Amino acid sequence: MSIYQFDVKKANGESISLSNYKGKTLLIVNTASQCRFTPQFQDLQKLYEKYQPNGLEILGFPCNQFGEQEPGSNEEAVSFCQLNYGVTFPIFAKMDVNGPHAHPLFQYLKQQAPFQGFDETNSMAKLLKLMILDKAPEWLAGDEIKWNFTKFLIDANDRVIRRYEPHETPLDFENDIAELLAPKTL
């Protein structure tokens, strides 16, 4: 299987193949405009501006499965990101990332980068786990996406490198991105 085999929908409903991103390093994020982690858009945009010229593409996929934190239309989700955070990377149509209607892209990503558990030494991770236990305990099972702003890093050779949980901010793993984009010397 390959990430490039999947088609997704743009906010306007037009279908696009992820094969359009062949040879790029990708950061795929499920997003929401009314989430505790929504301010991560600011750091995602900083990374995009810094590394997009070197081959990074960030792809945002709004999701309303977690506390109904993306209640608006696709167009409203895009507009929110642009107006509030200056987002210039693509924000696609809303989609499910868990459950029986989960988009095949996220089913694949979860298989390639399974959930590694919560870091109980991290206070944000502990709070996130308690929140999920209270609001959506069904998401705690297995490799399901735990909440909005779960991020997947894919290298230019189509390998899913790592899954970052919602409490992990984009700047926390900037070095992982920089390393993938660094020219390799012999």
C-alpha atoms as a PDB file:
ATOM      1  CA  MET A   1       0.000   0.000   0.000  1.00  0.00           C
ATOM      2  CA  SER A   2       0.935   3.594  -0.479  1.00  0.00           C
ATOM      3  CA  ILE A   3      -0.285   6.929   0.796  1.00  0.00           C
ATOM      4  CA  TYR A   4      -0.416   7.998  -2.831  1.00  0.00           C
ATOM      5  CA  GLN A   5      -3.259   5.598  -3.632  1.00  0.00           C
ATOM      6  CA  PHE A   6      -5.768   7.645  -1.644  1.00  0.00           C
ATOM      7  CA  ASP A   7      -8.065  10.313  -2.977  1.00  0.00           C
ATOM      8  CA  VAL A   8      -9.384  13.027  -0.684  1.00  0.00           C
ATOM      9  CA  LYS A   9     -11.832  15.845  -1.159  1.00  0.00           C
ATOM     10  CA  LYS A  10     -10.937  19.498  -1.168  1.00  0.00           C
ATOM     11  CA  ALA A  11     -13.183  21.820   0.829  1.00  0.00           C
ATOM     12  CA  ASN A  12     -15.067  22.620  -2.386  1.00  0.00           C
ATOM     13  CA  GLY A  13     -15.880  18.918  -2.887  1.00  0.00           C
ATOM     14  CA  GLU A  14     -13.409  18.362  -5.731  1.00  0.00           C
ATOM     15  CA  SER A  15     -11.522  15.068  -5.480  1.00  0.00           C
ATOM     16  CA  ILE A  16      -7.721  15.108  -5.466  1.00  0.00           C
ATOM     17  CA  SER A  17      -5.197  12.283  -5.393  1.00  0.00           C
ATOM     18  CA  LEU A  18      -2.477  12.317  -2.766  1.00  0.00           C
ATOM     19  CA  SER A  19      -0.177  11.193  -5.585  1.00  0.00           C
ATOM     20  CA  ASN A  20       0.021  14.943  -6.315  1.00  0.00           C
ATOM     21  CA  TYR A  21       2.344  15.082  -3.289  1.00  0.00           C
ATOM     22  CA  LYS A  22       4.802  12.403  -4.454  1.00  0.00           C
ATOM     23  CA  GLY A  23       8.337  13.193  -3.418  1.00  0.00           C
ATOM     24  CA  LYS A  24       7.246  15.585  -0.659  1.00  0.00           C
ATOM     25  CA  THR A  25       7.565  15.191   3.089  1.00  0.00           C
ATOM     26  CA  LEU A  26       4.019  15.286   4.468  1.00  0.00           C
ATOM     27  CA  LEU A  27       2.557  16.191   7.819  1.00  0.00           C
ATOM     28  CA  ILE A  28      -1.066  15.031   7.902  1.00  0.00           C
ATOM     29  CA  VAL A  29      -3.203  16.460  10.712  1.00  0.00           C
ATOM     30  CA  ASN A  30      -6.806  15.979  11.762  1.00  0.00           C
ATOM     31  CA  THR A  31      -7.952  19.440  12.834  1.00  0.00           C
ATOM     32  CA  ALA A  32     -10.819  21.330  14.461  1.00  0.00           C
ATOM     33  CA  SER A  33     -11.547  25.019  14.907  1.00  0.00           C
ATOM     34  CA  GLN A  34     -13.013  24.817  18.425  1.00  0.00           C
ATOM     35  CA  CYS A  35     -10.498  22.560  20.150  1.00  0.00           C
ATOM     36  CA  ARG A  36      -8.130  23.112  23.058  1.00  0.00           C
ATOM     37  CA  PHE A  37      -5.337  22.326  20.570  1.00  0.00           C
ATOM     38  CA  THR A  38      -6.571  24.708  17.822  1.00  0.00           C
ATOM     39  CA  PRO A  39      -3.754  27.221  18.548  1.00  0.00           C
ATOM     40  CA  GLN A  40      -1.401  24.607  17.049  1.00  0.00           C
ATOM     41  CA  PHE A  41      -2.445  26.062  13.679  1.00  0.00           C
ATOM     42  CA  GLN A  42      -0.070  28.925  14.444  1.00  0.00           C
ATOM     43  CA  ASP A  43       2.957  26.635  14.822  1.00  0.00           C
ATOM     44  CA  LEU A  44       1.880  24.461  11.900  1.00  0.00           C
ATOM     45  CA  GLN A  45       1.846  27.591   9.729  1.00  0.00           C
ATOM     46  CA  LYS A  46       5.305  28.608  11.010  1.00  0.00           C
ATOM     47  CA  LEU A  47       6.671  25.187  10.056  1.00  0.00           C
ATOM     48  CA  TYR A  48       4.983  25.385   6.676  1.00  0.00           C
ATOM     49  CA  GLU A  49       6.479  28.784   5.905  1.00  0.00           C
ATOM     50  CA  LYS A  50       9.927  27.668   7.031  1.00  0.00           C
ATOM     51  CA  TYR A  51      10.076  24.238   5.384  1.00  0.00           C
ATOM     52  CA  GLN A  52       7.652  24.281   2.449  1.00  0.00           C
ATOM     53  CA  PRO A  53      10.378  25.616   0.115  1.00  0.00           C
ATOM     54  CA  ASN A  54      12.404  22.496   1.043  1.00  0.00           C
ATOM     55  CA  GLY A  55       9.602  20.032   0.284  1.00  0.00           C
ATOM     56  CA  LEU A  56       7.272  19.983   3.304  1.00  0.00           C
ATOM     57  CA  GLU A  57       3.531  19.884   2.728  1.00  0.00           C
ATOM     58  CA  ILE A  58       1.075  20.087   5.605  1.00  0.00           C
ATOM     59  CA  LEU A  59      -2.375  18.689   4.909  1.00  0.00           C
ATOM     60  CA  GLY A  60      -5.211  19.546   7.298  1.00  0.00           C
ATOM     61  CA  PHE A  61      -8.313  17.384   7.569  1.00  0.00           C
ATOM     62  CA  PRO A  62     -11.086  18.865   9.716  1.00  0.00           C
ATOM     63  CA  CYS A  63     -12.957  16.363  11.849  1.00  0.00           C
ATOM     64  CA  ASN A  64     -16.128  16.755  13.913  1.00  0.00           C
ATOM     65  CA  GLN A  65     -15.891  13.419  15.765  1.00  0.00           C
ATOM     66  CA  PHE A  66     -14.302  14.771  18.940  1.00  0.00           C
ATOM     67  CA  GLY A  67     -16.677  16.846  21.015  1.00  0.00           C
ATOM     68  CA  GLU A  68     -18.250  18.274  17.834  1.00  0.00           C
ATOM     69  CA  GLN A  69     -15.394  20.764  17.654  1.00  0.00           C
ATOM     70  CA  GLU A  70     -15.715  21.325  13.897  1.00  0.00           C
ATOM     71  CA  PRO A  71     -19.466  21.992  13.551  1.00  0.00           C
ATOM     72  CA  GLY A  72     -19.404  24.301  10.532  1.00  0.00           C
ATOM     73  CA  SER A  73     -19.186  23.656   6.821  1.00  0.00           C
ATOM     74  CA  ASN A  74     -15.999  22.827   4.937  1.00  0.00           C
ATOM     75  CA  GLU A  75     -15.782  26.416   3.742  1.00  0.00           C
ATOM     76  CA  GLU A  76     -16.191  27.724   7.303  1.00  0.00           C
ATOM     77  CA  ALA A  77     -13.366  25.464   8.487  1.00  0.00           C
ATOM     78  CA  VAL A  78     -11.023  26.795   5.792  1.00  0.00           C
ATOM     79  CA  SER A  79     -12.049  30.398   6.402  1.00  0.00           C
ATOM     80  CA  PHE A  80     -11.490  30.033  10.153  1.00  0.00           C
ATOM     81  CA  CYS A  81      -7.943  28.757   9.619  1.00  0.00           C
ATOM     82  CA  GLN A  82      -7.070  31.497   7.158  1.00  0.00           C
ATOM     83  CA  LEU A  83      -8.610  34.384   9.089  1.00  0.00           C
ATOM     84  CA  ASN A  84      -7.497  33.410  12.589  1.00  0.00           C
ATOM     85  CA  TYR A  85      -4.123  31.784  11.945  1.00  0.00           C
ATOM     86  CA  GLY A  86      -3.069  32.889   8.458  1.00  0.00           C
ATOM     87  CA  VAL A  87      -3.023  29.270   7.289  1.00  0.00           C
ATOM     88  CA  THR A  88      -1.830  28.860   3.713  1.00  0.00           C
ATOM     89  CA  PHE A  89      -1.423  25.074   3.673  1.00  0.00           C
ATOM     90  CA  PRO A  90      -4.351  23.041   2.291  1.00  0.00           C
ATOM     91  CA  ILE A  91      -7.368  22.399   4.508  1.00  0.00           C
ATOM     92  CA  PHE A  92      -9.491  19.654   2.981  1.00  0.00           C
ATOM     93  CA  ALA A  93     -13.117  18.591   3.430  1.00  0.00           C
ATOM     94  CA  LYS A  94     -14.254  17.319   6.813  1.00  0.00           C
ATOM     95  CA  MET A  95     -13.917  13.574   7.311  1.00  0.00           C
ATOM     96  CA  ASP A  96     -14.220  10.877   9.941  1.00  0.00           C
ATOM     97  CA  VAL A  97     -10.930   9.475  11.205  1.00  0.00           C
ATOM     98  CA  ASN A  98     -12.362   6.741  13.469  1.00  0.00           C
ATOM     99  CA  GLY A  99     -15.222   4.301  13.438  1.00  0.00           C
ATOM    100  CA  PRO A 100     -17.105   2.591  10.628  1.00  0.00           C
ATOM    101  CA  HIS A 101     -16.989   5.648   8.357  1.00  0.00           C
ATOM    102  CA  ALA A 102     -13.311   6.479   8.903  1.00  0.00           C
ATOM    103  CA  HIS A 103     -11.664   7.603   5.699  1.00  0.00           C
ATOM    104  CA  PRO A 104      -9.322   4.918   4.295  1.00  0.00           C
ATOM    105  CA  LEU A 105      -6.419   7.394   4.523  1.00  0.00           C
ATOM    106  CA  PHE A 106      -6.704   7.503   8.304  1.00  0.00           C
ATOM    107  CA  GLN A 107      -7.298   3.754   8.535  1.00  0.00           C
ATOM    108  CA  TYR A 108      -3.991   3.311   6.705  1.00  0.00           C
ATOM    109  CA  LEU A 109      -2.154   5.882   8.832  1.00  0.00           C
ATOM    110  CA  LYS A 110      -3.329   4.217  12.053  1.00  0.00           C
ATOM    111  CA  GLN A 111      -2.068   0.841  10.793  1.00  0.00           C
ATOM    112  CA  GLN A 112       1.308   2.268   9.791  1.00  0.00           C
ATOM    113  CA  ALA A 113       1.830   4.289  12.984  1.00  0.00           C
ATOM    114  CA  PRO A 114      -0.108   2.688  15.847  1.00  0.00           C
ATOM    115  CA  PHE A 115      -0.877   4.493  19.084  1.00  0.00           C
ATOM    116  CA  GLN A 116       2.094   4.181  21.456  1.00  0.00           C
ATOM    117  CA  GLY A 117       0.261   5.044  24.663  1.00  0.00           C
ATOM    118  CA  PHE A 118       0.136   8.168  26.763  1.00  0.00           C
ATOM    119  CA  ASP A 119       3.314   9.485  28.332  1.00  0.00           C
ATOM    120  CA  GLU A 120       2.145   9.520  31.943  1.00  0.00           C
ATOM    121  CA  THR A 121       5.067  11.796  32.884  1.00  0.00           C
ATOM    122  CA  ASN A 122       3.666  14.536  30.616  1.00  0.00           C
ATOM    123  CA  SER A 123       0.963  16.595  32.342  1.00  0.00           C
ATOM    124  CA  MET A 124      -0.778  17.477  29.051  1.00  0.00           C
ATOM    125  CA  ALA A 125      -0.883  13.804  28.074  1.00  0.00           C
ATOM    126  CA  LYS A 126      -2.394  12.918  31.446  1.00  0.00           C
ATOM    127  CA  LEU A 127      -5.023  15.650  31.088  1.00  0.00           C
ATOM    128  CA  LEU A 128      -5.816  14.522  27.546  1.00  0.00           C
ATOM    129  CA  LYS A 129      -6.282  10.935  28.702  1.00  0.00           C
ATOM    130  CA  LEU A 130      -8.637  12.048  31.491  1.00  0.00           C
ATOM    131  CA  MET A 131     -10.605  14.237  29.085  1.00  0.00           C
ATOM    132  CA  ILE A 132     -11.000  11.381  26.599  1.00  0.00           C
ATOM    133  CA  LEU A 133     -11.998   9.014  29.391  1.00  0.00           C
ATOM    134  CA  ASP A 134     -14.718  11.487  30.361  1.00  0.00           C
ATOM    135  CA  LYS A 135     -15.935  12.639  26.937  1.00  0.00           C
ATOM    136  CA  ALA A 136     -15.236   9.796  24.503  1.00  0.00           C
ATOM    137  CA  PRO A 137     -13.934   6.624  26.198  1.00  0.00           C
ATOM    138  CA  GLU A 138     -14.481   4.636  22.997  1.00  0.00           C
ATOM    139  CA  TRP A 139     -11.475   6.419  21.457  1.00  0.00           C
ATOM    140  CA  LEU A 140      -9.110   5.072  24.129  1.00  0.00           C
ATOM    141  CA  ALA A 141      -9.205   1.578  22.651  1.00  0.00           C
ATOM    142  CA  GLY A 142      -6.532   0.348  20.272  1.00  0.00           C
ATOM    143  CA  ASP A 143      -4.977   2.537  17.624  1.00  0.00           C
ATOM    144  CA  GLU A 144      -7.895   4.929  17.194  1.00  0.00           C
ATOM    145  CA  ILE A 145      -7.144   8.615  16.808  1.00  0.00           C
ATOM    146  CA  LYS A 146      -7.476   9.936  20.354  1.00  0.00           C
ATOM    147  CA  TRP A 147      -8.472  13.544  19.622  1.00  0.00           C
ATOM    148  CA  ASN A 148      -8.079  16.392  17.161  1.00  0.00           C
ATOM    149  CA  PHE A 149      -4.556  17.411  16.181  1.00  0.00           C
ATOM    150  CA  THR A 150      -3.109  13.933  15.906  1.00  0.00           C
ATOM    151  CA  LYS A 151      -0.293  14.320  13.402  1.00  0.00           C
ATOM    152  CA  PHE A 152       1.420  11.849  11.043  1.00  0.00           C
ATOM    153  CA  LEU A 153       4.827  12.498   9.493  1.00  0.00           C
ATOM    154  CA  ILE A 154       5.475  10.819   6.130  1.00  0.00           C
ATOM    155  CA  ASP A 155       8.829  11.016   4.373  1.00  0.00           C
ATOM    156  CA  ALA A 156       9.410  11.747   0.681  1.00  0.00           C
ATOM    157  CA  ASN A 157       9.699   7.989   0.027  1.00  0.00           C
ATOM    158  CA  ASP A 158       6.134   7.318   1.209  1.00  0.00           C
ATOM    159  CA  ARG A 159       7.061   5.882   4.625  1.00  0.00           C
ATOM    160  CA  VAL A 160       4.971   6.808   7.646  1.00  0.00           C
ATOM    161  CA  ILE A 161       7.725   7.859  10.038  1.00  0.00           C
ATOM    162  CA  ARG A 162       5.855   8.757  13.196  1.00  0.00           C
ATOM    163  CA  ARG A 163       2.546   9.565  14.819  1.00  0.00           C
ATOM    164  CA  TYR A 164       2.389  12.549  17.169  1.00  0.00           C
ATOM    165  CA  GLU A 165      -0.448  12.777  19.646  1.00  0.00           C
ATOM    166  CA  PRO A 166      -2.532  15.952  20.126  1.00  0.00           C
ATOM    167  CA  HIS A 167      -0.576  17.194  23.145  1.00  0.00           C
ATOM    168  CA  GLU A 168       2.673  17.109  21.134  1.00  0.00           C
ATOM    169  CA  THR A 169       3.021  20.557  19.644  1.00  0.00           C
ATOM    170  CA  PRO A 170       4.420  20.978  16.133  1.00  0.00           C
ATOM    171  CA  LEU A 171       7.508  22.817  17.354  1.00  0.00           C
ATOM    172  CA  ASP A 172       8.269  19.867  19.673  1.00  0.00           C
ATOM    173  CA  PHE A 173       9.090  17.753  16.623  1.00  0.00           C
ATOM    174  CA  GLU A 174      10.477  20.375  14.255  1.00  0.00           C
ATOM    175  CA  ASN A 175      13.850  18.586  14.329  1.00  0.00           C
ATOM    176  CA  ASP A 176      12.219  15.415  12.954  1.00  0.00           C
ATOM    177  CA  ILE A 177      10.939  17.405   9.982  1.00  0.00           C
ATOM    178  CA  ALA A 178      14.241  19.212   9.447  1.00  0.00           C
ATOM    179  CA  GLU A 179      16.099  15.920   9.494  1.00  0.00           C
ATOM    180  CA  LEU A 180      13.865  14.437   6.794  1.00  0.00           C
ATOM    181  CA  LEU A 181      14.347  17.501   4.622  1.00  0.00           C
ATOM    182  CA  ALA A 182      18.098  17.800   5.132  1.00  0.00           C
ATOM    183  CA  PRO A 183      20.136  16.943   2.052  1.00  0.00           C
ATOM    184  CA  LYS A 184      21.861  13.610   2.504  1.00  0.00           C
ATOM    185  CA  THR A 185      25.604  13.570   1.998  1.00  0.00           C
ATOM    186  CA  LEU A 186      27.702  10.549   1.104  1.00  0.00           C
END
